[in-house]
Amino acid sequence: MTDLAVSTAATPLARQVERRRTFAIISHPDAGKTTLTEKLLMFGGAIQLAGQVRAKGERRRTRSDWMNIERERGISVVTSVMTFEYRDCVFNLLDTPGHEDFSEDTYRTLTAVDSAVMVIDAAKGIEERTRKLFEVCRLRDIPIVTFVNKMDRESRDPFEILDEIESTLALDVAPLTWPIGRGRDFAGTYELQTGRIRLVDSGDSISGTGMEALKGLVSADRLTEVTEELELAAGALKPFDLASFREGHQTPVFFGSALRNFGVRDLLDGLADLAPAPQGLDSDKRPVRPAEDRMTAFVFKVQANMDPNHRDRIAFVRLCSGKLRRGMKVLQTRTAKTIGLHAPQFFFAQDRALAEEAYAGDVVGIPNHGLLRIGDTLTEGEDISFLGVPSFAPEILRRVRLEDAMKAKKLKQALQELAEEGVVQVFRPLDGSPALVGVVGPLQLDVLTGRLAAEYGLEVGFEQSQYALARWVSGPEKDLQEFLNANRGNVAEDLDGDPVLLAGSAFQMTRAKERWEKVAFLDVKDVRKVAA
């Protein structure tokens, strides 16, 4: 990401861009991410953009997890997009999958945000999944806001949690609120910069200001302990530095309990005040600034059958510059085709409304019938492609066993559509043997099984493959062709027709690298480079 933040708005377009806050929530499973998402949406209420409808009734209770497997297992396995307004800011919240099997979808989602909220369980601190997601954010210097959740349960010492963040993530911490007690004694938070006090029992109202106010709010036997802890936090910890935060070096920290809806408003206010507006992005030809007049966008996710009644297919796009207007025509630079945006949509989890207009930073869904793919760039005519939307080599390869052989054609179509979404990867061997599916982890196979049954009426199982590794291959045309001819029995094509070497073991892959020195074996492919 280039340092091209929008300056103080001067034009109507720039003012709209400055209002946007596009962020993701990252956490280890069970840290409370989905609960926090729901509480944030309570403050936004619904999609409230110009010309849109306000959600009522059941919409206000909409969960971000909408697939059956998510409701059954209590985990998020797809990225949900939610747009809402709060304090004259337009928030685009991307709720990323929390399960470790879905790192690829999460990585792509993080290419579409300008900041992230890191949710930490107060009892467990930094967990492995949190660490991995943070490293993805660090690769792009994404600013991180930290929310230490579940302070009303048994938890670790706040100083210990902050020390762990600094030592484990090499990230400076600057708490903006501080917990008054913890566990059963958690009474509220103290705002370190202003001295304002919020008590759990008083909700969002201010219960006092300054440490003197604590005398009437905290029992006498705990007053000394609480006061000393607050004085140490205010005096010993680093003050918040906006520039350091925006550069990805420091994280402001909030404490609270999402389940009790406490501390969530402070977090949302922090995002409105501190999180960056849309940033500039690099394309293959030039940097793109968000306040440019001409619209540009890229596809970071494709999702089918969000509404089973309509069998729809939605491409989620992040607007990078300019203004989208419903009905406008745009260039799909991968194919050089012109596409009409007749029904762009905003989302509130699985509910949606037509987007009459959208601005840089917004995330909108574009219904299509397989034309748009992950990594596609859309412009108002300029031939550019945005960088860095990756596809990763799978860690598990399986053959699909179809219970009803008469449905083979339908299975082929289903796998094609699910591969275009990024649910699985499909590899078709050049020797004509049955296709293989590739996934990052076992849970993806469960998701594939469930979706094939629910959406396509296909009952399937999986068989072990003789292959353990898959790598994309590239190189000088002559050398690459010689390699493909010599290894035809172990080469497949992916969804885009790109060649992939299938190897039975790491040893076989190493031997191939040694023998074919001019051929590159890639475990990551930039999908923007796919030819039309």
Protein backbone atom coordinates (compact mmCIF):
# COMPACT_ATOMS: atom_id res chain seq x y z
CA MET A 1 0.00 0.00 0.00
CA THR A 2 1.37 3.43 -0.89
CA ASP A 3 1.14 6.45 1.41
CA LEU A 4 -1.54 8.28 -0.51
CA ALA A 5 -4.06 9.09 2.23
CA VAL A 6 -6.79 11.54 1.31
CA SER A 7 -6.02 15.07 2.46
CA THR A 8 -8.59 17.37 4.06
CA ALA A 9 -11.57 17.16 1.76
CA ALA A 10 -12.17 20.05 -0.63
CA THR A 11 -14.45 18.60 -3.31
CA PRO A 12 -17.77 16.77 -2.76
CA LEU A 13 -16.12 13.54 -3.94
CA ALA A 14 -13.19 13.94 -1.57
CA ARG A 15 -15.53 14.68 1.33
CA GLN A 16 -17.44 11.47 0.67
CA VAL A 17 -14.20 9.48 0.50
CA GLU A 18 -13.04 11.02 3.78
CA ARG A 19 -16.16 9.67 5.51
CA ARG A 20 -15.34 6.04 4.68
CA ARG A 21 -13.83 3.59 7.18
CA THR A 22 -13.24 0.15 5.69
CA PHE A 23 -11.97 -2.38 8.21
CA ALA A 24 -11.81 -6.08 9.03
CA ILE A 25 -12.08 -7.92 12.32
CA ILE A 26 -9.40 -10.52 12.99
CA SER A 27 -9.11 -12.91 15.90
CA HIS A 28 -8.56 -16.46 17.05
CA PRO A 29 -11.72 -18.60 17.04
CA ASP A 30 -13.87 -18.09 20.16
CA ALA A 31 -12.34 -14.72 21.05
CA GLY A 32 -15.75 -13.11 20.56
CA LYS A 33 -15.40 -11.74 17.04
CA THR A 34 -18.93 -12.57 15.87
CA THR A 35 -20.47 -11.15 19.05
CA LEU A 36 -18.46 -7.96 18.66
CA THR A 37 -19.57 -7.70 15.04
CA GLU A 38 -23.20 -7.91 16.06
CA LYS A 39 -22.77 -5.23 18.73
CA LEU A 40 -21.04 -2.89 16.30
CA LEU A 41 -23.96 -3.32 13.91
CA MET A 42 -26.38 -2.42 16.69
CA PHE A 43 -24.89 1.06 16.80
CA GLY A 44 -25.07 1.41 13.01
CA GLY A 45 -28.59 -0.03 12.91
CA ALA A 46 -28.74 -0.70 9.16
CA ILE A 47 -27.66 0.43 5.73
CA GLN A 48 -28.47 4.13 5.78
CA LEU A 49 -26.78 5.45 2.68
CA ALA A 50 -28.57 7.88 0.41
CA GLY A 51 -31.52 6.22 -1.28
CA GLN A 52 -31.30 3.08 0.83
CA VAL A 53 -33.72 1.46 3.26
CA ARG A 54 -33.34 1.14 7.00
CA ALA A 55 -33.31 -2.37 8.41
CA LYS A 56 -36.03 -3.15 10.92
CA GLY A 57 -37.25 -6.13 12.89
CA GLU A 58 -35.31 -9.24 12.01
CA ARG A 59 -32.73 -7.27 10.03
CA ARG A 60 -31.52 -5.62 13.21
CA ARG A 61 -30.86 -9.06 14.63
CA THR A 62 -29.10 -10.31 11.53
CA ARG A 63 -26.05 -12.47 12.24
CA SER A 64 -23.01 -12.24 10.04
CA ASP A 65 -22.73 -16.04 9.98
CA TRP A 66 -25.36 -17.26 7.49
CA MET A 67 -24.26 -20.69 6.25
CA ASN A 68 -25.64 -23.79 7.95
CA ILE A 69 -22.18 -25.04 8.90
CA GLU A 70 -21.47 -21.70 10.60
CA ARG A 71 -24.63 -21.84 12.68
CA GLU A 72 -24.02 -25.48 13.60
CA ARG A 73 -20.39 -25.07 14.63
CA GLY A 74 -20.39 -21.49 15.86
CA ILE A 75 -17.58 -20.38 13.55
CA SER A 76 -17.24 -18.07 10.58
CA VAL A 77 -16.12 -19.75 7.36
CA VAL A 78 -16.92 -17.09 4.77
CA THR A 79 -16.31 -13.39 4.64
CA SER A 80 -19.41 -11.32 5.35
CA VAL A 81 -19.69 -7.68 4.29
CA MET A 82 -21.70 -5.17 6.30
CA THR A 83 -22.20 -1.49 5.54
CA PHE A 84 -23.60 0.93 8.12
CA GLU A 85 -23.41 4.55 9.23
CA TYR A 86 -22.33 5.99 12.58
CA ARG A 87 -21.37 9.55 13.50
CA ASP A 88 -21.45 10.72 9.88
CA CYS A 89 -18.98 8.00 8.91
CA VAL A 90 -19.77 5.17 6.51
CA PHE A 91 -18.33 1.91 7.85
CA ASN A 92 -17.64 -1.08 5.65
CA LEU A 93 -17.04 -3.99 8.01
CA LEU A 94 -15.53 -7.16 6.58
CA ASP A 95 -16.00 -10.02 9.03
CA THR A 96 -13.23 -12.46 8.11
CA PRO A 97 -13.28 -16.23 8.64
CA GLY A 98 -11.84 -17.12 12.01
CA HIS A 99 -11.04 -20.78 11.39
CA GLU A 100 -7.48 -21.61 10.40
CA ASP A 101 -8.62 -23.51 7.30
CA PHE A 102 -9.71 -20.29 5.65
CA SER A 103 -6.50 -18.27 5.56
CA GLU A 104 -6.71 -17.78 1.78
CA ASP A 105 -10.13 -16.11 1.91
CA THR A 106 -8.98 -14.05 4.89
CA TYR A 107 -5.83 -12.92 3.10
CA ARG A 108 -7.81 -11.73 0.11
CA THR A 109 -10.21 -9.90 2.38
CA LEU A 110 -7.33 -8.06 4.03
CA THR A 111 -6.29 -6.70 0.62
CA ALA A 112 -9.59 -4.76 0.63
CA VAL A 113 -9.38 -2.94 3.99
CA ASP A 114 -7.63 0.16 5.32
CA SER A 115 -7.50 -0.92 8.98
CA ALA A 116 -8.32 -3.88 11.22
CA VAL A 117 -9.67 -4.59 14.69
CA MET A 118 -7.75 -7.31 16.53
CA VAL A 119 -9.93 -9.05 19.13
CA ILE A 120 -8.09 -10.70 22.01
CA ASP A 121 -9.57 -12.94 24.69
CA ALA A 122 -8.56 -11.37 28.04
CA ALA A 123 -7.94 -14.80 29.55
CA LYS A 124 -5.94 -16.28 26.66
CA GLY A 125 -4.01 -13.34 25.22
CA ILE A 126 -2.31 -13.72 21.84
CA GLU A 127 -3.22 -17.06 20.24
CA GLU A 128 -1.76 -18.74 17.18
CA ARG A 129 -4.47 -17.71 14.72
CA THR A 130 -4.27 -14.10 15.93
CA ARG A 131 -0.52 -14.11 15.36
CA LYS A 132 -0.85 -15.43 11.81
CA LEU A 133 -3.51 -12.89 10.86
CA PHE A 134 -1.49 -10.09 12.36
CA GLU A 135 1.50 -11.04 10.22
CA VAL A 136 -0.72 -10.78 7.14
CA CYS A 137 -1.72 -7.27 8.26
CA ARG A 138 1.91 -6.40 8.83
CA LEU A 139 2.82 -7.32 5.26
CA ARG A 140 0.55 -4.48 4.14
CA ASP A 141 1.23 -2.14 7.11
CA ILE A 142 -2.47 -2.20 7.99
CA PRO A 143 -3.18 -0.10 11.12
CA ILE A 144 -4.46 -2.27 13.97
CA VAL A 145 -6.91 -1.30 16.72
CA THR A 146 -6.96 -3.78 19.62
CA PHE A 147 -10.05 -4.75 21.60
CA VAL A 148 -9.36 -6.86 24.71
CA ASN A 149 -12.61 -8.77 25.13
CA LYS A 150 -14.26 -10.72 27.95
CA MET A 151 -12.96 -8.51 30.76
CA ASP A 152 -16.03 -9.53 32.79
CA ARG A 153 -14.69 -13.08 32.98
CA GLU A 154 -11.61 -14.48 34.65
CA SER A 155 -8.75 -12.77 32.86
CA ARG A 156 -5.06 -12.05 32.93
CA ASP A 157 -3.49 -8.91 34.30
CA PRO A 158 -3.92 -6.07 31.74
CA PHE A 159 -0.22 -5.18 31.93
CA GLU A 160 0.66 -8.80 31.17
CA ILE A 161 -1.61 -8.76 28.10
CA LEU A 162 -0.04 -5.53 26.82
CA ASP A 163 3.47 -6.90 27.40
CA GLU A 164 2.57 -9.99 25.40
CA ILE A 165 1.29 -7.88 22.49
CA GLU A 166 4.55 -5.92 22.44
CA SER A 167 6.84 -8.94 22.78
CA THR A 168 4.92 -11.36 20.54
CA LEU A 169 3.84 -8.99 17.77
CA ALA A 170 6.60 -6.36 18.07
CA LEU A 171 3.84 -3.75 18.19
CA ASP A 172 3.83 -0.74 20.52
CA VAL A 173 0.71 -0.47 22.66
CA ALA A 174 -1.15 2.66 23.73
CA PRO A 175 -4.24 1.91 25.84
CA LEU A 176 -6.94 4.54 25.46
CA THR A 177 -9.21 2.99 28.07
CA TRP A 178 -8.25 1.00 31.16
CA PRO A 179 -10.33 -1.63 32.98
CA ILE A 180 -11.57 -0.88 36.47
CA GLY A 181 -11.21 -4.35 37.93
CA ARG A 182 -11.63 -7.59 36.00
CA GLY A 183 -13.57 -10.84 36.14
CA ARG A 184 -16.46 -10.63 38.60
CA ASP A 185 -15.01 -7.35 39.86
CA PHE A 186 -15.00 -5.71 36.41
CA ALA A 187 -16.85 -2.45 37.03
CA GLY A 188 -16.10 -0.37 33.92
CA THR A 189 -13.35 1.56 32.15
CA TYR A 190 -11.34 4.71 32.74
CA GLU A 191 -10.42 6.85 29.72
CA LEU A 192 -6.74 7.63 30.24
CA GLN A 193 -6.61 10.85 28.18
CA THR A 194 -9.73 12.53 29.58
CA GLY A 195 -10.34 10.78 32.89
CA ARG A 196 -13.91 9.93 31.92
CA ILE A 197 -15.34 6.89 33.65
CA ARG A 198 -17.94 4.48 32.30
CA LEU A 199 -19.44 1.83 34.55
CA VAL A 200 -20.85 -1.42 33.23
CA ASP A 201 -24.13 -0.89 35.06
CA SER A 202 -24.59 2.64 33.68
CA GLY A 203 -24.19 1.61 30.03
CA ASP A 204 -22.83 4.33 27.77
CA SER A 205 -23.35 7.24 30.15
CA ILE A 206 -20.39 8.95 31.80
CA SER A 207 -20.36 8.14 35.50
CA GLY A 208 -17.63 10.52 36.56
CA THR A 209 -14.39 12.22 35.56
CA GLY A 210 -10.96 11.94 37.16
CA MET A 211 -9.56 9.66 39.80
CA GLU A 212 -11.33 11.58 42.55
CA ALA A 213 -14.60 10.38 41.06
CA LEU A 214 -13.52 6.81 41.74
CA LYS A 215 -14.09 7.33 45.46
CA GLY A 216 -17.81 7.31 44.93
CA LEU A 217 -17.77 4.54 42.36
CA VAL A 218 -15.37 1.91 43.73
CA SER A 219 -15.55 0.22 47.12
CA ALA A 220 -13.07 1.44 49.74
CA ASP A 221 -11.21 -1.88 49.95
CA ARG A 222 -10.42 -1.76 46.21
CA LEU A 223 -9.87 1.97 45.76
CA THR A 224 -6.11 1.98 46.47
CA GLU A 225 -5.44 -0.94 44.13
CA VAL A 226 -7.48 0.57 41.29
CA THR A 227 -5.97 4.04 41.72
CA GLU A 228 -2.38 2.74 41.73
CA GLU A 229 -3.01 0.67 38.60
CA LEU A 230 -4.48 3.66 36.78
CA GLU A 231 -1.60 5.92 37.79
CA LEU A 232 0.89 3.32 36.56
CA ALA A 233 -0.96 2.92 33.26
CA ALA A 234 -1.15 6.67 32.70
CA GLY A 235 2.47 7.31 33.64
CA ALA A 236 4.42 4.28 32.43
CA LEU A 237 2.80 3.39 29.11
CA LYS A 238 3.50 5.17 25.85
CA PRO A 239 1.05 7.88 24.79
CA PHE A 240 -0.96 7.36 21.65
CA ASP A 241 0.72 8.60 18.46
CA LEU A 242 -1.57 8.89 15.43
CA ALA A 243 1.25 8.80 12.88
CA SER A 244 2.78 5.69 14.44
CA PHE A 245 -0.64 3.99 14.43
CA ARG A 246 -1.32 4.88 10.80
CA GLU A 247 2.10 3.48 9.85
CA GLY A 248 1.29 0.17 11.55
CA HIS A 249 3.80 0.52 14.41
CA GLN A 250 1.45 1.21 17.34
CA THR A 251 -1.97 -0.06 18.35
CA PRO A 252 -4.53 1.82 20.45
CA VAL A 253 -6.09 -0.58 22.97
CA PHE A 254 -9.65 -0.69 24.29
CA PHE A 255 -10.98 -2.98 27.03
CA GLY A 256 -14.52 -4.26 27.36
CA SER A 257 -17.04 -7.06 27.05
CA ALA A 258 -18.78 -7.52 23.70
CA LEU A 259 -21.31 -9.91 25.23
CA ARG A 260 -22.43 -7.20 27.67
CA ASN A 261 -22.17 -4.53 24.97
CA PHE A 262 -19.62 -2.64 27.04
CA GLY A 263 -16.65 -0.83 25.53
CA VAL A 264 -18.03 -1.34 22.02
CA ARG A 265 -19.08 2.29 21.57
CA ASP A 266 -15.60 3.43 22.67
CA LEU A 267 -14.12 1.12 20.03
CA LEU A 268 -16.43 2.44 17.33
CA ASP A 269 -15.68 6.05 18.31
CA GLY A 270 -12.00 5.19 18.11
CA LEU A 271 -12.40 3.84 14.59
CA ALA A 272 -14.30 6.97 13.53
CA ASP A 273 -11.67 9.30 15.01
CA LEU A 274 -8.44 7.42 14.39
CA ALA A 275 -8.78 4.86 11.59
CA PRO A 276 -7.62 6.08 8.18
CA ALA A 277 -9.95 7.01 5.36
CA PRO A 278 -9.38 5.07 2.10
CA GLN A 279 -5.75 4.90 1.06
CA GLY A 280 -4.09 4.91 -2.32
CA LEU A 281 -3.31 1.60 -4.00
CA ASP A 282 -0.69 0.52 -6.51
CA SER A 283 -1.66 -0.74 -9.94
CA ASP A 284 0.61 -2.32 -12.53
CA LYS A 285 1.04 1.04 -14.25
CA ARG A 286 0.66 3.77 -11.61
CA PRO A 287 -0.50 4.61 -8.08
CA VAL A 288 -4.25 5.24 -7.85
CA ARG A 289 -5.53 7.94 -5.50
CA PRO A 290 -8.97 7.50 -3.90
CA ALA A 291 -10.18 11.04 -4.67
CA GLU A 292 -9.59 10.70 -8.43
CA ASP A 293 -12.69 11.45 -10.51
CA ARG A 294 -12.72 8.18 -12.47
CA MET A 295 -13.93 5.01 -10.76
CA THR A 296 -11.63 2.02 -10.28
CA ALA A 297 -12.24 -1.18 -8.28
CA PHE A 298 -11.04 -4.76 -7.86
CA VAL A 299 -12.78 -8.04 -7.06
CA PHE A 300 -11.54 -9.68 -3.87
CA LYS A 301 -14.26 -12.28 -3.34
CA VAL A 302 -16.96 -14.13 -5.26
CA GLN A 303 -19.90 -15.77 -3.47
CA ALA A 304 -22.75 -17.78 -4.98
CA ASN A 305 -26.13 -18.72 -3.56
CA MET A 306 -26.15 -16.28 -0.63
CA ASP A 307 -29.88 -16.25 -1.34
CA PRO A 308 -30.81 -19.85 -2.33
CA ASN A 309 -34.17 -18.63 -3.64
CA HIS A 310 -32.42 -16.69 -6.40
CA ARG A 311 -29.33 -18.88 -7.04
CA ASP A 312 -27.42 -15.64 -7.36
CA ARG A 313 -23.71 -15.03 -7.80
CA ILE A 314 -22.12 -11.94 -6.27
CA ALA A 315 -18.67 -10.48 -6.91
CA PHE A 316 -17.54 -8.33 -3.98
CA VAL A 317 -15.54 -5.33 -5.17
CA ARG A 318 -13.58 -2.74 -3.27
CA LEU A 319 -13.83 0.71 -4.84
CA CYS A 320 -10.36 2.23 -5.07
CA SER A 321 -11.15 5.63 -6.55
CA GLY A 322 -13.96 7.83 -7.77
CA LYS A 323 -17.69 7.23 -7.63
CA LEU A 324 -19.81 4.27 -8.72
CA ARG A 325 -23.25 5.06 -10.09
CA ARG A 326 -25.91 2.44 -10.67
CA GLY A 327 -26.29 1.82 -14.40
CA MET A 328 -22.79 2.95 -15.36
CA LYS A 329 -20.63 0.90 -17.73
CA VAL A 330 -17.15 -0.20 -16.75
CA LEU A 331 -14.21 -1.97 -18.37
CA GLN A 332 -13.18 -5.39 -17.11
CA THR A 333 -9.48 -5.09 -17.89
CA ARG A 334 -8.76 -8.84 -17.83
CA THR A 335 -11.08 -9.54 -20.76
CA ALA A 336 -11.39 -6.00 -22.21
CA LYS A 337 -15.18 -6.43 -22.00
CA THR A 338 -17.61 -3.69 -21.05
CA ILE A 339 -19.94 -4.49 -18.15
CA GLY A 340 -23.08 -2.64 -17.10
CA LEU A 341 -23.50 -2.16 -13.34
CA HIS A 342 -27.28 -2.40 -13.29
CA ALA A 343 -27.81 -3.68 -9.76
CA PRO A 344 -24.82 -3.00 -7.47
CA GLN A 345 -25.69 -3.82 -3.86
CA PHE A 346 -24.80 -2.89 -0.32
CA PHE A 347 -24.91 -5.63 2.31
CA PHE A 348 -26.01 -5.95 5.89
CA ALA A 349 -24.80 -9.54 6.35
CA GLN A 350 -27.13 -11.55 4.07
CA ASP A 351 -29.63 -8.71 3.65
CA ARG A 352 -29.01 -6.27 0.85
CA ALA A 353 -30.22 -3.11 -0.85
CA LEU A 354 -29.52 -1.49 -4.21
CA ALA A 355 -26.57 0.88 -4.22
CA GLU A 356 -27.53 3.93 -6.23
CA GLU A 357 -24.03 5.30 -5.66
CA ALA A 358 -20.85 4.33 -3.84
CA TYR A 359 -17.46 5.92 -3.28
CA ALA A 360 -13.82 4.91 -2.91
CA GLY A 361 -13.49 2.73 0.16
CA ASP A 362 -16.96 1.20 -0.18
CA VAL A 363 -17.48 -2.51 -0.74
CA VAL A 364 -20.35 -3.40 -3.06
CA GLY A 365 -21.68 -6.62 -4.53
CA ILE A 366 -22.12 -6.97 -8.28
CA PRO A 367 -24.47 -9.76 -9.44
CA ASN A 368 -23.07 -11.64 -12.44
CA HIS A 369 -23.15 -15.05 -14.10
CA GLY A 370 -19.53 -16.09 -13.87
CA LEU A 371 -18.04 -13.16 -15.77
CA LEU A 372 -16.21 -11.64 -12.80
CA ARG A 373 -13.40 -13.48 -11.02
CA ILE A 374 -11.22 -12.86 -8.01
CA GLY A 375 -8.49 -10.36 -8.91
CA ASP A 376 -10.41 -8.65 -11.73
CA THR A 377 -9.99 -4.89 -12.08
CA LEU A 378 -12.88 -2.63 -13.15
CA THR A 379 -12.29 0.89 -14.49
CA GLU A 380 -13.99 3.63 -16.47
CA GLY A 381 -11.85 2.76 -19.46
CA GLU A 382 -8.25 2.80 -18.25
CA ASP A 383 -6.26 -0.40 -18.84
CA ILE A 384 -4.73 -1.03 -15.41
CA SER A 385 -4.69 -3.94 -12.96
CA PHE A 386 -4.38 -3.73 -9.19
CA LEU A 387 -1.62 -5.75 -7.58
CA GLY A 388 -1.46 -8.34 -4.88
CA VAL A 389 -4.62 -10.50 -4.94
CA PRO A 390 -3.12 -13.96 -4.36
CA SER A 391 -4.05 -17.60 -4.89
CA PHE A 392 -2.25 -20.13 -2.67
CA ALA A 393 -1.18 -23.69 -3.36
CA PRO A 394 -3.48 -26.12 -1.49
CA GLU A 395 -2.23 -28.30 1.33
CA ILE A 396 -4.70 -31.16 0.75
CA LEU A 397 -5.51 -32.81 -2.60
CA ARG A 398 -8.47 -35.18 -2.97
CA ARG A 399 -10.52 -36.85 -5.67
CA VAL A 400 -14.29 -36.37 -5.47
CA ARG A 401 -16.37 -39.54 -5.32
CA LEU A 402 -19.85 -39.00 -6.73
CA GLU A 403 -22.56 -41.25 -5.32
CA ASP A 404 -24.71 -40.94 -8.47
CA ALA A 405 -22.56 -41.30 -11.60
CA MET A 406 -25.41 -39.92 -13.73
CA LYS A 407 -24.78 -36.50 -12.20
CA ALA A 408 -21.16 -36.19 -13.38
CA LYS A 409 -21.94 -33.24 -15.66
CA LYS A 410 -23.68 -31.38 -12.85
CA LEU A 411 -20.72 -32.03 -10.54
CA LYS A 412 -18.32 -30.59 -13.09
CA GLN A 413 -20.39 -27.43 -13.31
CA ALA A 414 -20.70 -27.17 -9.52
CA LEU A 415 -16.95 -27.54 -8.97
CA GLN A 416 -16.29 -24.94 -11.66
CA GLU A 417 -18.58 -22.43 -9.93
CA LEU A 418 -17.23 -23.14 -6.44
CA ALA A 419 -13.65 -22.88 -7.71
CA GLU A 420 -14.43 -19.48 -9.21
CA GLU A 421 -15.62 -18.42 -5.76
CA GLY A 422 -12.37 -19.57 -4.17
CA VAL A 423 -14.11 -22.22 -2.03
CA VAL A 424 -11.80 -24.89 -3.49
CA GLN A 425 -9.28 -25.18 -6.28
CA VAL A 426 -9.88 -27.62 -9.12
CA PHE A 427 -7.05 -29.28 -11.03
CA ARG A 428 -7.73 -31.22 -14.23
CA PRO A 429 -4.85 -33.59 -15.15
CA LEU A 430 -3.62 -33.36 -18.72
CA ASP A 431 -3.71 -37.16 -19.06
CA GLY A 432 -7.50 -37.11 -18.79
CA SER A 433 -7.78 -38.72 -15.35
CA PRO A 434 -10.51 -37.43 -12.98
CA ALA A 435 -10.18 -33.92 -11.58
CA LEU A 436 -8.79 -33.24 -8.13
CA VAL A 437 -9.86 -30.62 -5.62
CA GLY A 438 -7.38 -28.75 -3.48
CA VAL A 439 -8.08 -27.11 -0.11
CA VAL A 440 -6.11 -25.44 2.66
CA GLY A 441 -7.59 -27.48 5.49
CA PRO A 442 -10.09 -30.29 6.27
CA LEU A 443 -12.94 -27.94 7.20
CA GLN A 444 -13.05 -26.71 3.62
CA LEU A 445 -13.94 -30.25 2.54
CA ASP A 446 -16.86 -30.17 4.98
CA VAL A 447 -17.98 -26.84 3.53
CA LEU A 448 -17.66 -28.24 0.00
CA THR A 449 -19.70 -31.32 0.93
CA GLY A 450 -22.41 -29.23 2.56
CA ARG A 451 -22.72 -26.76 -0.28
CA LEU A 452 -22.77 -29.46 -2.98
CA ALA A 453 -25.62 -31.15 -1.13
CA ALA A 454 -27.62 -28.05 -0.21
CA GLU A 455 -27.18 -26.00 -3.39
CA TYR A 456 -26.69 -28.59 -6.11
CA GLY A 457 -28.34 -31.73 -4.73
CA LEU A 458 -25.09 -33.69 -5.03
CA GLU A 459 -23.99 -36.29 -2.47
CA VAL A 460 -20.22 -36.76 -2.59
CA GLY A 461 -17.33 -38.27 -0.70
CA PHE A 462 -13.57 -37.90 -1.02
CA GLU A 463 -10.78 -40.32 -1.82
CA GLN A 464 -7.09 -40.06 -1.09
CA SER A 465 -4.99 -38.91 -4.02
CA GLN A 466 -1.51 -40.10 -4.89
CA TYR A 467 -0.48 -36.44 -4.89
CA ALA A 468 0.58 -34.43 -1.85
CA LEU A 469 1.78 -31.14 -3.38
CA ALA A 470 0.74 -28.78 -6.15
CA ARG A 471 2.89 -25.97 -7.59
CA TRP A 472 2.27 -23.61 -10.47
CA VAL A 473 5.03 -23.76 -13.06
CA SER A 474 6.35 -21.00 -15.28
CA GLY A 475 9.48 -20.18 -17.22
CA PRO A 476 10.85 -19.45 -20.72
CA GLU A 477 8.42 -20.82 -23.29
CA LYS A 478 10.80 -23.41 -24.71
CA ASP A 479 11.90 -24.75 -21.32
CA LEU A 480 8.36 -24.75 -19.97
CA GLN A 481 7.05 -26.70 -22.96
CA GLU A 482 9.83 -29.27 -22.64
CA PHE A 483 8.98 -29.67 -18.97
CA LEU A 484 5.26 -30.12 -19.68
CA ASN A 485 5.93 -32.71 -22.40
CA ALA A 486 8.26 -34.69 -20.14
CA ASN A 487 5.89 -34.62 -17.13
CA ARG A 488 2.49 -34.84 -18.78
CA GLY A 489 1.36 -37.61 -16.43
CA ASN A 490 1.90 -35.37 -13.40
CA VAL A 491 0.71 -32.01 -14.75
CA ALA A 492 -2.77 -30.53 -14.49
CA GLU A 493 -4.45 -27.27 -15.43
CA ASP A 494 -6.12 -25.05 -12.87
CA LEU A 495 -9.33 -23.11 -13.32
CA ASP A 496 -7.57 -20.53 -15.49
CA GLY A 497 -5.73 -23.04 -17.66
CA ASP A 498 -2.38 -22.40 -15.96
CA PRO A 499 -0.12 -25.48 -15.64
CA VAL A 500 0.38 -27.07 -12.22
CA LEU A 501 2.84 -29.80 -11.25
CA LEU A 502 1.37 -32.47 -8.98
CA ALA A 503 3.94 -34.25 -6.82
CA GLY A 504 3.56 -37.22 -4.52
CA SER A 505 6.05 -35.92 -1.97
CA ALA A 506 8.35 -33.04 -1.11
CA PHE A 507 11.25 -35.21 -2.33
CA GLN A 508 9.73 -35.48 -5.82
CA MET A 509 9.20 -31.72 -5.91
CA THR A 510 12.82 -31.13 -4.91
CA ARG A 511 14.05 -33.47 -7.67
CA ALA A 512 11.94 -31.61 -10.25
CA LYS A 513 13.45 -28.28 -9.16
CA GLU A 514 16.96 -29.68 -9.41
CA ARG A 515 16.41 -31.16 -12.87
CA TRP A 516 14.55 -28.18 -14.37
CA GLU A 517 16.57 -25.21 -13.22
CA LYS A 518 14.96 -22.74 -15.63
CA VAL A 519 11.42 -23.60 -14.55
CA ALA A 520 9.91 -21.81 -11.53
CA PHE A 521 7.71 -23.77 -9.10
CA LEU A 522 5.36 -21.35 -7.35
CA ASP A 523 3.26 -21.85 -4.22
CA VAL A 524 1.54 -18.45 -4.65
CA LYS A 525 -0.01 -17.11 -7.84
CA ASP A 526 -1.07 -13.50 -8.35
CA VAL A 527 -4.51 -13.99 -9.88
CA ARG A 528 -4.47 -10.60 -11.61
CA LYS A 529 -1.92 -12.09 -14.06
CA VAL A 530 -4.37 -14.66 -15.39
CA ALA A 531 -4.82 -14.23 -19.10
CA ALA A 532 -8.26 -13.70 -20.56
